[in-house]
Amino acid sequence: MISWSDFEKIDMRVGTIVKAEEFPEAHKPAYILTIDFGPEIGLKKSSAQITNLYNKKRLKGEQVIAVVNFPPKQIGPFMSECLVMGIYNEQNDVVLLRPQREVMNGCKVG
């Protein structure tokens, strides 16, 4: 169990994908996503293993939820700056967590 104060330390925000590109150096198929989290946080990049369910061209403009206050993580030659949230389905593919309605970039999940 974690405490409520532990949970409050996690900064989850809504952002809009502005760019999705191939990540050929990844061990498992992945995209590099550039996500706009609004003026307070700005742009952050993340590696996402979502190639089975998502087309990179259709990802542009989609809103996602991500943890934005983890330290950067080295993934091969790439430095991931946030963690895009998703759910593993029955086939072990990642289904992205997204708001039901469009909201402003940078809105905090709470």
PDB file of N, CA and C in Angstrom:
ATOM      1  N   MET A   1       0.839  -1.187   0.000  1.00  0.00           N
ATOM      2  CA  MET A   1       0.000   0.000   0.000  1.00  0.00           C
ATOM      3  C   MET A   1       0.881   1.246   0.000  1.00  0.00           C
ATOM      4  N   ILE A   2       0.415   2.263  -0.716  1.00  0.00           N
ATOM      5  CA  ILE A   2       1.094   3.558  -0.652  1.00  0.00           C
ATOM      6  C   ILE A   2       0.165   4.544   0.049  1.00  0.00           C
ATOM      7  N   SER A   3       0.735   5.593   0.531  1.00  0.00           N
ATOM      8  CA  SER A   3      -0.078   6.610   1.198  1.00  0.00           C
ATOM      9  C   SER A   3      -0.619   7.591   0.157  1.00  0.00           C
ATOM     10  N   TRP A   4      -1.621   8.358   0.565  1.00  0.00           N
ATOM     11  CA  TRP A   4      -2.171   9.383  -0.313  1.00  0.00           C
ATOM     12  C   TRP A   4      -1.087  10.394  -0.688  1.00  0.00           C
ATOM     13  N   SER A   5      -0.238  10.729   0.253  1.00  0.00           N
ATOM     14  CA  SER A   5       0.832  11.695  -0.048  1.00  0.00           C
ATOM     15  C   SER A   5       1.807  11.125  -1.084  1.00  0.00           C
ATOM     16  N   ASP A   6       2.020   9.794  -1.082  1.00  0.00           N
ATOM     17  CA  ASP A   6       2.851   9.180  -2.127  1.00  0.00           C
ATOM     18  C   ASP A   6       2.191   9.363  -3.495  1.00  0.00           C
ATOM     19  N   PHE A   7       0.893   9.093  -3.572  1.00  0.00           N
ATOM     20  CA  PHE A   7       0.157   9.240  -4.836  1.00  0.00           C
ATOM     21  C   PHE A   7       0.213  10.676  -5.336  1.00  0.00           C
ATOM     22  N   GLU A   8       0.095  11.632  -4.432  1.00  0.00           N
ATOM     23  CA  GLU A   8       0.102  13.045  -4.822  1.00  0.00           C
ATOM     24  C   GLU A   8       1.426  13.484  -5.437  1.00  0.00           C
ATOM     25  N   LYS A   9       2.491  12.729  -5.210  1.00  0.00           N
ATOM     26  CA  LYS A   9       3.790  13.059  -5.796  1.00  0.00           C
ATOM     27  C   LYS A   9       3.844  12.769  -7.294  1.00  0.00           C
ATOM     28  N   ILE A  10       2.946  11.914  -7.777  1.00  0.00           N
ATOM     29  CA  ILE A  10       2.927  11.552  -9.195  1.00  0.00           C
ATOM     30  C   ILE A  10       2.188  12.639  -9.967  1.00  0.00           C
ATOM     31  N   ASP A  11       2.876  13.252 -10.909  1.00  0.00           N
ATOM     32  CA  ASP A  11       2.299  14.339 -11.705  1.00  0.00           C
ATOM     33  C   ASP A  11       1.874  13.794 -13.065  1.00  0.00           C
ATOM     34  N   MET A  12       0.581  13.480 -13.175  1.00  0.00           N
ATOM     35  CA  MET A  12       0.022  12.982 -14.433  1.00  0.00           C
ATOM     36  C   MET A  12      -0.699  14.126 -15.126  1.00  0.00           C
ATOM     37  N   ARG A  13      -0.380  14.316 -16.391  1.00  0.00           N
ATOM     38  CA  ARG A  13      -0.941  15.424 -17.161  1.00  0.00           C
ATOM     39  C   ARG A  13      -1.458  14.932 -18.508  1.00  0.00           C
ATOM     40  N   VAL A  14      -2.343  15.738 -19.073  1.00  0.00           N
ATOM     41  CA  VAL A  14      -2.858  15.489 -20.422  1.00  0.00           C
ATOM     42  C   VAL A  14      -2.003  16.275 -21.403  1.00  0.00           C
ATOM     43  N   GLY A  15      -1.652  15.625 -22.498  1.00  0.00           N
ATOM     44  CA  GLY A  15      -0.909  16.285 -23.562  1.00  0.00           C
ATOM     45  C   GLY A  15      -1.378  15.807 -24.912  1.00  0.00           C
ATOM     46  N   THR A  16      -1.053  16.575 -25.934  1.00  0.00           N
ATOM     47  CA  THR A  16      -1.424  16.230 -27.311  1.00  0.00           C
ATOM     48  C   THR A  16      -0.178  15.799 -28.080  1.00  0.00           C
ATOM     49  N   ILE A  17      -0.291  14.662 -28.737  1.00  0.00           N
ATOM     50  CA  ILE A  17       0.820  14.173 -29.561  1.00  0.00           C
ATOM     51  C   ILE A  17       0.952  15.084 -30.778  1.00  0.00           C
ATOM     52  N   VAL A  18       2.131  15.677 -30.936  1.00  0.00           N
ATOM     53  CA  VAL A  18       2.384  16.550 -32.083  1.00  0.00           C
ATOM     54  C   VAL A  18       3.226  15.855 -33.141  1.00  0.00           C
ATOM     55  N   LYS A  19       3.871  14.754 -32.748  1.00  0.00           N
ATOM     56  CA  LYS A  19       4.715  14.026 -33.699  1.00  0.00           C
ATOM     57  C   LYS A  19       4.894  12.596 -33.213  1.00  0.00           C
ATOM     58  N   ALA A  20       4.821  11.651 -34.144  1.00  0.00           N
ATOM     59  CA  ALA A  20       5.107  10.239 -33.852  1.00  0.00           C
ATOM     60  C   ALA A  20       6.044   9.746 -34.935  1.00  0.00           C
ATOM     61  N   GLU A  21       7.164   9.167 -34.520  1.00  0.00           N
ATOM     62  CA  GLU A  21       8.151   8.690 -35.494  1.00  0.00           C
ATOM     63  C   GLU A  21       8.634   7.296 -35.113  1.00  0.00           C
ATOM     64  N   GLU A  22       9.134   6.599 -36.097  1.00  0.00           N
ATOM     65  CA  GLU A  22       9.670   5.258 -35.878  1.00  0.00           C
ATOM     66  C   GLU A  22      10.853   5.325 -34.913  1.00  0.00           C
ATOM     67  N   PHE A  23      11.046   4.251 -34.175  1.00  0.00           N
ATOM     68  CA  PHE A  23      12.183   4.121 -33.260  1.00  0.00           C
ATOM     69  C   PHE A  23      12.872   2.798 -33.600  1.00  0.00           C
ATOM     70  N   PRO A  24      13.623   2.758 -34.711  1.00  0.00           N
ATOM     71  CA  PRO A  24      14.195   1.494 -35.191  1.00  0.00           C
ATOM     72  C   PRO A  24      15.218   0.865 -34.250  1.00  0.00           C
ATOM     73  N   GLU A  25      15.824   1.647 -33.358  1.00  0.00           N
ATOM     74  CA  GLU A  25      16.832   1.111 -32.439  1.00  0.00           C
ATOM     75  C   GLU A  25      16.218   0.414 -31.215  1.00  0.00           C
ATOM     76  N   ALA A  26      14.919   0.538 -31.029  1.00  0.00           N
ATOM     77  CA  ALA A  26      14.263  -0.074 -29.870  1.00  0.00           C
ATOM     78  C   ALA A  26      14.316  -1.597 -29.974  1.00  0.00           C
ATOM     79  N   HIS A  27      14.443  -2.275 -28.817  1.00  0.00           N
ATOM     80  CA  HIS A  27      14.465  -3.742 -28.795  1.00  0.00           C
ATOM     81  C   HIS A  27      13.121  -4.317 -29.212  1.00  0.00           C
ATOM     82  N   LYS A  28      12.035  -3.692 -28.740  1.00  0.00           N
ATOM     83  CA  LYS A  28      10.681  -4.060 -29.143  1.00  0.00           C
ATOM     84  C   LYS A  28      10.143  -2.914 -29.991  1.00  0.00           C
ATOM     85  N   PRO A  29       9.304  -3.193 -30.997  1.00  0.00           N
ATOM     86  CA  PRO A  29       8.791  -2.125 -31.860  1.00  0.00           C
ATOM     87  C   PRO A  29       8.157  -0.995 -31.041  1.00  0.00           C
ATOM     88  N   ALA A  30       8.554   0.241 -31.367  1.00  0.00           N
ATOM     89  CA  ALA A  30       8.080   1.406 -30.609  1.00  0.00           C
ATOM     90  C   ALA A  30       8.095   2.647 -31.489  1.00  0.00           C
ATOM     91  N   TYR A  31       7.373   3.645 -31.029  1.00  0.00           N
ATOM     92  CA  TYR A  31       7.416   4.973 -31.630  1.00  0.00           C
ATOM     93  C   TYR A  31       8.066   5.923 -30.636  1.00  0.00           C
ATOM     94  N   ILE A  32       8.639   6.992 -31.161  1.00  0.00           N
ATOM     95  CA  ILE A  32       9.045   8.127 -30.346  1.00  0.00           C
ATOM     96  C   ILE A  32       7.949   9.163 -30.508  1.00  0.00           C
ATOM     97  N   LEU A  33       7.323   9.528 -29.393  1.00  0.00           N
ATOM     98  CA  LEU A  33       6.246  10.506 -29.400  1.00  0.00           C
ATOM     99  C   LEU A  33       6.744  11.837 -28.865  1.00  0.00           C
ATOM    100  N   THR A  34       6.393  12.919 -29.533  1.00  0.00           N
ATOM    101  CA  THR A  34       6.608  14.268 -29.019  1.00  0.00           C
ATOM    102  C   THR A  34       5.241  14.772 -28.595  1.00  0.00           C
ATOM    103  N   ILE A  35       5.142  15.162 -27.326  1.00  0.00           N
ATOM    104  CA  ILE A  35       3.850  15.487 -26.731  1.00  0.00           C
ATOM    105  C   ILE A  35       3.883  16.907 -26.177  1.00  0.00           C
ATOM    106  N   ASP A  36       2.842  17.688 -26.491  1.00  0.00           N
ATOM    107  CA  ASP A  36       2.712  19.059 -26.007  1.00  0.00           C
ATOM    108  C   ASP A  36       1.875  19.058 -24.735  1.00  0.00           C
ATOM    109  N   PHE A  37       2.495  19.435 -23.617  1.00  0.00           N
ATOM    110  CA  PHE A  37       1.821  19.497 -22.329  1.00  0.00           C
ATOM    111  C   PHE A  37       1.456  20.927 -21.933  1.00  0.00           C
ATOM    112  N   GLY A  38       1.397  21.829 -22.886  1.00  0.00           N
ATOM    113  CA  GLY A  38       0.987  23.202 -22.600  1.00  0.00           C
ATOM    114  C   GLY A  38       2.136  24.082 -22.165  1.00  0.00           C
ATOM    115  N   PRO A  39       1.832  25.371 -21.921  1.00  0.00           N
ATOM    116  CA  PRO A  39       2.904  26.344 -21.657  1.00  0.00           C
ATOM    117  C   PRO A  39       3.702  26.109 -20.380  1.00  0.00           C
ATOM    118  N   GLU A  40       3.100  25.535 -19.355  1.00  0.00           N
ATOM    119  CA  GLU A  40       3.818  25.330 -18.091  1.00  0.00           C
ATOM    120  C   GLU A  40       4.911  24.272 -18.218  1.00  0.00           C
ATOM    121  N   ILE A  41       4.628  23.186 -18.957  1.00  0.00           N
ATOM    122  CA  ILE A  41       5.555  22.055 -19.068  1.00  0.00           C
ATOM    123  C   ILE A  41       6.240  22.023 -20.433  1.00  0.00           C
ATOM    124  N   GLY A  42       5.523  22.364 -21.463  1.00  0.00           N
ATOM    125  CA  GLY A  42       6.089  22.377 -22.811  1.00  0.00           C
ATOM    126  C   GLY A  42       6.084  21.012 -23.471  1.00  0.00           C
ATOM    127  N   LEU A  43       7.021  20.814 -24.393  1.00  0.00           N
ATOM    128  CA  LEU A  43       7.128  19.574 -25.146  1.00  0.00           C
ATOM    129  C   LEU A  43       7.996  18.564 -24.405  1.00  0.00           C
ATOM    130  N   LYS A  44       7.564  17.312 -24.415  1.00  0.00           N
ATOM    131  CA  LYS A  44       8.362  16.217 -23.860  1.00  0.00           C
ATOM    132  C   LYS A  44       8.274  15.052 -24.831  1.00  0.00           C
ATOM    133  N   LYS A  45       9.316  14.223 -24.822  1.00  0.00           N
ATOM    134  CA  LYS A  45       9.366  13.052 -25.689  1.00  0.00           C
ATOM    135  C   LYS A  45       9.285  11.777 -24.868  1.00  0.00           C
ATOM    136  N   SER A  46       8.696  10.753 -25.492  1.00  0.00           N
ATOM    137  CA  SER A  46       8.559   9.462 -24.828  1.00  0.00           C
ATOM    138  C   SER A  46       8.649   8.350 -25.865  1.00  0.00           C
ATOM    139  N   SER A  47       9.184   7.222 -25.452  1.00  0.00           N
ATOM    140  CA  SER A  47       9.146   6.012 -26.269  1.00  0.00           C
ATOM    141  C   SER A  47       7.909   5.228 -25.860  1.00  0.00           C
ATOM    142  N   ALA A  48       7.157   4.733 -26.857  1.00  0.00           N
ATOM    143  CA  ALA A  48       5.920   4.012 -26.550  1.00  0.00           C
ATOM    144  C   ALA A  48       5.819   2.767 -27.429  1.00  0.00           C
ATOM    145  N   GLN A  49       5.664   1.624 -26.782  1.00  0.00           N
ATOM    146  CA  GLN A  49       5.516   0.349 -27.495  1.00  0.00           C
ATOM    147  C   GLN A  49       4.044   0.140 -27.838  1.00  0.00           C
ATOM    148  N   ILE A  50       3.589   0.898 -28.832  1.00  0.00           N
ATOM    149  CA  ILE A  50       2.171   0.899 -29.198  1.00  0.00           C
ATOM    150  C   ILE A  50       1.961   0.627 -30.686  1.00  0.00           C
ATOM    151  N   THR A  51       2.968   0.085 -31.354  1.00  0.00           N
ATOM    152  CA  THR A  51       2.901  -0.080 -32.807  1.00  0.00           C
ATOM    153  C   THR A  51       1.868  -1.107 -33.257  1.00  0.00           C
ATOM    154  N   ASN A  52       1.502  -2.056 -32.403  1.00  0.00           N
ATOM    155  CA  ASN A  52       0.519  -3.067 -32.805  1.00  0.00           C
ATOM    156  C   ASN A  52      -0.886  -2.493 -32.963  1.00  0.00           C
ATOM    157  N   LEU A  53      -1.221  -1.493 -32.164  1.00  0.00           N
ATOM    158  CA  LEU A  53      -2.585  -0.975 -32.175  1.00  0.00           C
ATOM    159  C   LEU A  53      -2.724   0.421 -32.773  1.00  0.00           C
ATOM    160  N   TYR A  54      -1.613   1.138 -32.963  1.00  0.00           N
ATOM    161  CA  TYR A  54      -1.699   2.531 -33.388  1.00  0.00           C
ATOM    162  C   TYR A  54      -0.827   2.804 -34.605  1.00  0.00           C
ATOM    163  N   ASN A  55      -1.376   3.574 -35.531  1.00  0.00           N
ATOM    164  CA  ASN A  55      -0.675   4.032 -36.724  1.00  0.00           C
ATOM    165  C   ASN A  55      -0.064   5.394 -36.401  1.00  0.00           C
ATOM    166  N   LYS A  56       1.210   5.555 -36.684  1.00  0.00           N
ATOM    167  CA  LYS A  56       1.887   6.793 -36.284  1.00  0.00           C
ATOM    168  C   LYS A  56       1.260   8.038 -36.919  1.00  0.00           C
ATOM    169  N   LYS A  57       0.725   7.927 -38.123  1.00  0.00           N
ATOM    170  CA  LYS A  57       0.109   9.086 -38.768  1.00  0.00           C
ATOM    171  C   LYS A  57      -1.178   9.497 -38.061  1.00  0.00           C
ATOM    172  N   ARG A  58      -1.909   8.536 -37.539  1.00  0.00           N
ATOM    173  CA  ARG A  58      -3.173   8.832 -36.859  1.00  0.00           C
ATOM    174  C   ARG A  58      -2.978   9.298 -35.421  1.00  0.00           C
ATOM    175  N   LEU A  59      -1.788   9.095 -34.863  1.00  0.00           N
ATOM    176  CA  LEU A  59      -1.529   9.515 -33.487  1.00  0.00           C
ATOM    177  C   LEU A  59      -1.438  11.032 -33.348  1.00  0.00           C
ATOM    178  N   LYS A  60      -0.995  11.709 -34.401  1.00  0.00           N
ATOM    179  CA  LYS A  60      -0.851  13.165 -34.342  1.00  0.00           C
ATOM    180  C   LYS A  60      -2.208  13.788 -34.028  1.00  0.00           C
ATOM    181  N   GLY A  61      -2.233  14.638 -32.992  1.00  0.00           N
ATOM    182  CA  GLY A  61      -3.456  15.304 -32.575  1.00  0.00           C
ATOM    183  C   GLY A  61      -4.223  14.576 -31.483  1.00  0.00           C
ATOM    184  N   GLU A  62      -3.811  13.343 -31.163  1.00  0.00           N
ATOM    185  CA  GLU A  62      -4.481  12.571 -30.106  1.00  0.00           C
ATOM    186  C   GLU A  62      -3.985  13.026 -28.736  1.00  0.00           C
ATOM    187  N   GLN A  63      -4.903  13.098 -27.795  1.00  0.00           N
ATOM    188  CA  GLN A  63      -4.513  13.422 -26.429  1.00  0.00           C
ATOM    189  C   GLN A  63      -4.232  12.135 -25.655  1.00  0.00           C
ATOM    190  N   VAL A  64      -3.232  12.216 -24.783  1.00  0.00           N
ATOM    191  CA  VAL A  64      -2.834  11.079 -23.955  1.00  0.00           C
ATOM    192  C   VAL A  64      -2.592  11.571 -22.530  1.00  0.00           C
ATOM    193  N   ILE A  65      -2.467  10.627 -21.626  1.00  0.00           N
ATOM    194  CA  ILE A  65      -2.130  10.924 -20.235  1.00  0.00           C
ATOM    195  C   ILE A  65      -0.734  10.377 -19.976  1.00  0.00           C
ATOM    196  N   ALA A  66       0.098  11.178 -19.329  1.00  0.00           N
ATOM    197  CA  ALA A  66       1.473  10.757 -19.072  1.00  0.00           C
ATOM    198  C   ALA A  66       1.944  11.265 -17.717  1.00  0.00           C
ATOM    199  N   VAL A  67       2.878  10.524 -17.130  1.00  0.00           N
ATOM    200  CA  VAL A  67       3.571  10.983 -15.921  1.00  0.00           C
ATOM    201  C   VAL A  67       4.710  11.872 -16.403  1.00  0.00           C
ATOM    202  N   VAL A  68       4.742  13.107 -15.906  1.00  0.00           N
ATOM    203  CA  VAL A  68       5.723  14.075 -16.406  1.00  0.00           C
ATOM    204  C   VAL A  68       6.827  14.403 -15.407  1.00  0.00           C
ATOM    205  N   ASN A  69       6.792  13.789 -14.214  1.00  0.00           N
ATOM    206  CA  ASN A  69       7.823  14.144 -13.230  1.00  0.00           C
ATOM    207  C   ASN A  69       8.744  12.986 -12.844  1.00  0.00           C
ATOM    208  N   PHE A  70       8.822  11.956 -13.690  1.00  0.00           N
ATOM    209  CA  PHE A  70       9.879  10.964 -13.510  1.00  0.00           C
ATOM    210  C   PHE A  70      11.174  11.546 -14.051  1.00  0.00           C
ATOM    211  N   PRO A  71      12.325  11.116 -13.533  1.00  0.00           N
ATOM    212  CA  PRO A  71      13.579  11.569 -14.142  1.00  0.00           C
ATOM    213  C   PRO A  71      13.702  10.986 -15.551  1.00  0.00           C
ATOM    214  N   PRO A  72      14.421  11.653 -16.442  1.00  0.00           N
ATOM    215  CA  PRO A  72      14.613  11.104 -17.792  1.00  0.00           C
ATOM    216  C   PRO A  72      15.199   9.693 -17.725  1.00  0.00           C
ATOM    217  N   LYS A  73      14.811   8.852 -18.693  1.00  0.00           N
ATOM    218  CA  LYS A  73      15.270   7.464 -18.723  1.00  0.00           C
ATOM    219  C   LYS A  73      15.886   7.168 -20.090  1.00  0.00           C
ATOM    220  N   GLN A  74      17.095   6.637 -20.057  1.00  0.00           N
ATOM    221  CA  GLN A  74      17.793   6.274 -21.289  1.00  0.00           C
ATOM    222  C   GLN A  74      17.210   4.977 -21.839  1.00  0.00           C
ATOM    223  N   ILE A  75      16.754   5.020 -23.097  1.00  0.00           N
ATOM    224  CA  ILE A  75      16.241   3.835 -23.785  1.00  0.00           C
ATOM    225  C   ILE A  75      17.035   3.717 -25.077  1.00  0.00           C
ATOM    226  N   GLY A  76      18.069   2.902 -25.054  1.00  0.00           N
ATOM    227  CA  GLY A  76      18.982   2.834 -26.200  1.00  0.00           C
ATOM    228  C   GLY A  76      19.599   4.202 -26.419  1.00  0.00           C
ATOM    229  N   PRO A  77      19.552   4.706 -27.658  1.00  0.00           N
ATOM    230  CA  PRO A  77      20.139   6.015 -27.933  1.00  0.00           C
ATOM    231  C   PRO A  77      19.210   7.183 -27.599  1.00  0.00           C
ATOM    232  N   PHE A  78      18.026   6.880 -27.082  1.00  0.00           N
ATOM    233  CA  PHE A  78      16.987   7.883 -26.859  1.00  0.00           C
ATOM    234  C   PHE A  78      16.796   8.160 -25.365  1.00  0.00           C
ATOM    235  N   MET A  79      16.545   9.421 -25.017  1.00  0.00           N
ATOM    236  CA  MET A  79      16.270   9.810 -23.638  1.00  0.00           C
ATOM    237  C   MET A  79      14.776  10.117 -23.511  1.00  0.00           C
ATOM    238  N   SER A  80      14.056   9.244 -22.801  1.00  0.00           N
ATOM    239  CA  SER A  80      12.622   9.429 -22.595  1.00  0.00           C
ATOM    240  C   SER A  80      12.404  10.417 -21.456  1.00  0.00           C
ATOM    241  N   GLU A  81      11.500  11.382 -21.668  1.00  0.00           N
ATOM    242  CA  GLU A  81      11.282  12.462 -20.701  1.00  0.00           C
ATOM    243  C   GLU A  81       9.972  12.340 -19.931  1.00  0.00           C
ATOM    244  N   CYS A  82       9.110  11.418 -20.335  1.00  0.00           N
ATOM    245  CA  CYS A  82       7.843  11.213 -19.636  1.00  0.00           C
ATOM    246  C   CYS A  82       7.387   9.779 -19.897  1.00  0.00           C
ATOM    247  N   LEU A  83       6.400   9.329 -19.125  1.00  0.00           N
ATOM    248  CA  LEU A  83       5.875   7.978 -19.280  1.00  0.00           C
ATOM    249  C   LEU A  83       4.421   8.054 -19.714  1.00  0.00           C
ATOM    250  N   VAL A  84       4.161   7.666 -20.961  1.00  0.00           N
ATOM    251  CA  VAL A  84       2.798   7.646 -21.471  1.00  0.00           C
ATOM    252  C   VAL A  84       2.076   6.459 -20.824  1.00  0.00           C
ATOM    253  N   MET A  85       0.881   6.713 -20.316  1.00  0.00           N
ATOM    254  CA  MET A  85       0.135   5.694 -19.586  1.00  0.00           C
ATOM    255  C   MET A  85      -0.706   4.841 -20.538  1.00  0.00           C
ATOM    256  N   GLY A  86      -0.764   3.550 -20.228  1.00  0.00           N
ATOM    257  CA  GLY A  86      -1.564   2.638 -21.022  1.00  0.00           C
ATOM    258  C   GLY A  86      -1.949   1.415 -20.217  1.00  0.00           C
ATOM    259  N   ILE A  87      -2.810   0.626 -20.813  1.00  0.00           N
ATOM    260  CA  ILE A  87      -3.307  -0.597 -20.193  1.00  0.00           C
ATOM    261  C   ILE A  87      -2.946  -1.756 -21.111  1.00  0.00           C
ATOM    262  N   TYR A  88      -2.435  -2.853 -20.548  1.00  0.00           N
ATOM    263  CA  TYR A  88      -2.156  -4.041 -21.347  1.00  0.00           C
ATOM    264  C   TYR A  88      -3.456  -4.808 -21.558  1.00  0.00           C
ATOM    265  N   ASN A  89      -3.778  -5.084 -22.839  1.00  0.00           N
ATOM    266  CA  ASN A  89      -4.976  -5.871 -23.127  1.00  0.00           C
ATOM    267  C   ASN A  89      -4.651  -7.367 -23.078  1.00  0.00           C
ATOM    268  N   GLU A  90      -5.605  -8.196 -23.481  1.00  0.00           N
ATOM    269  CA  GLU A  90      -5.444  -9.653 -23.405  1.00  0.00           C
ATOM    270  C   GLU A  90      -4.292 -10.167 -24.269  1.00  0.00           C
ATOM    271  N   GLN A  91      -3.946  -9.433 -25.341  1.00  0.00           N
ATOM    272  CA  GLN A  91      -2.830  -9.822 -26.220  1.00  0.00           C
ATOM    273  C   GLN A  91      -1.514  -9.185 -25.797  1.00  0.00           C
ATOM    274  N   ASN A  92      -1.507  -8.518 -24.642  1.00  0.00           N
ATOM    275  CA  ASN A  92      -0.331  -7.845 -24.103  1.00  0.00           C
ATOM    276  C   ASN A  92       0.093  -6.629 -24.941  1.00  0.00           C
ATOM    277  N   ASP A  93      -0.871  -6.052 -25.686  1.00  0.00           N
ATOM    278  CA  ASP A  93      -0.646  -4.805 -26.413  1.00  0.00           C
ATOM    279  C   ASP A  93      -1.060  -3.646 -25.513  1.00  0.00           C
ATOM    280  N   VAL A  94      -0.404  -2.507 -25.691  1.00  0.00           N
ATOM    281  CA  VAL A  94      -0.705  -1.336 -24.867  1.00  0.00           C
ATOM    282  C   VAL A  94      -1.840  -0.528 -25.499  1.00  0.00           C
ATOM    283  N   VAL A  95      -2.883  -0.284 -24.706  1.00  0.00           N
ATOM    284  CA  VAL A  95      -3.999   0.587 -25.089  1.00  0.00           C
ATOM    285  C   VAL A  95      -3.797   1.900 -24.334  1.00  0.00           C
ATOM    286  N   LEU A  96      -3.674   3.001 -25.067  1.00  0.00           N
ATOM    287  CA  LEU A  96      -3.383   4.291 -24.452  1.00  0.00           C
ATOM    288  C   LEU A  96      -4.522   4.780 -23.572  1.00  0.00           C
ATOM    289  N   LEU A  97      -4.158   5.403 -22.439  1.00  0.00           N
ATOM    290  CA  LEU A  97      -5.139   6.086 -21.604  1.00  0.00           C
ATOM    291  C   LEU A  97      -5.339   7.484 -22.171  1.00  0.00           C
ATOM    292  N   ARG A  98      -6.605   7.847 -22.396  1.00  0.00           N
ATOM    293  CA  ARG A  98      -6.910   9.150 -22.974  1.00  0.00           C
ATOM    294  C   ARG A  98      -8.143   9.735 -22.287  1.00  0.00           C
ATOM    295  N   PRO A  99      -8.233  11.066 -22.249  1.00  0.00           N
ATOM    296  CA  PRO A  99      -9.454  11.653 -21.700  1.00  0.00           C
ATOM    297  C   PRO A  99     -10.636  11.377 -22.628  1.00  0.00           C
ATOM    298  N   GLN A 100     -11.838  11.280 -22.050  1.00  0.00           N
ATOM    299  CA  GLN A 100     -13.035  11.036 -22.852  1.00  0.00           C
ATOM    300  C   GLN A 100     -13.391  12.229 -23.722  1.00  0.00           C
ATOM    301  N   ARG A 101     -13.053  13.411 -23.259  1.00  0.00           N
ATOM    302  CA  ARG A 101     -13.315  14.637 -24.006  1.00  0.00           C
ATOM    303  C   ARG A 101     -12.011  15.418 -24.108  1.00  0.00           C
ATOM    304  N   GLU A 102     -11.910  16.246 -25.147  1.00  0.00           N
ATOM    305  CA  GLU A 102     -10.717  17.067 -25.303  1.00  0.00           C
ATOM    306  C   GLU A 102     -10.640  18.086 -24.177  1.00  0.00           C
ATOM    307  N   VAL A 103      -9.460  18.214 -23.606  1.00  0.00           N
ATOM    308  CA  VAL A 103      -9.204  19.199 -22.551  1.00  0.00           C
ATOM    309  C   VAL A 103      -7.927  19.945 -22.899  1.00  0.00           C
ATOM    310  N   MET A 104      -7.658  21.015 -22.164  1.00  0.00           N
ATOM    311  CA  MET A 104      -6.449  21.801 -22.419  1.00  0.00           C
ATOM    312  C   MET A 104      -5.210  20.968 -22.089  1.00  0.00           C
ATOM    313  N   ASN A 105      -4.173  21.120 -22.908  1.00  0.00           N
ATOM    314  CA  ASN A 105      -2.893  20.469 -22.618  1.00  0.00           C
ATOM    315  C   ASN A 105      -2.371  20.962 -21.286  1.00  0.00           C
ATOM    316  N   GLY A 106      -1.852  20.024 -20.507  1.00  0.00           N
ATOM    317  CA  GLY A 106      -1.286  20.352 -19.208  1.00  0.00           C
ATOM    318  C   GLY A 106      -2.244  20.141 -18.057  1.00  0.00           C
ATOM    319  N   CYS A 107      -3.534  19.855 -18.366  1.00  0.00           N
ATOM    320  CA  CYS A 107      -4.471  19.599 -17.260  1.00  0.00           C
ATOM    321  C   CYS A 107      -3.972  18.436 -16.429  1.00  0.00           C
ATOM    322  N   LYS A 108      -4.069  18.591 -15.118  1.00  0.00           N
ATOM    323  CA  LYS A 108      -3.561  17.593 -14.173  1.00  0.00           C
ATOM    324  C   LYS A 108      -4.615  16.523 -13.906  1.00  0.00           C
ATOM    325  N   VAL A 109      -4.161  15.287 -13.864  1.00  0.00           N
ATOM    326  CA  VAL A 109      -5.018  14.167 -13.489  1.00  0.00           C
ATOM    327  C   VAL A 109      -5.011  14.105 -11.972  1.00  0.00           C
ATOM    328  N   GLY A 110      -6.183  13.992 -11.391  1.00  0.00           N
ATOM    329  CA  GLY A 110      -6.227  13.949  -9.939  1.00  0.00           C
ATOM    330  C   GLY A 110      -7.431  13.212  -9.430  1.00  0.00           C
TER     331      GLY A 110
END
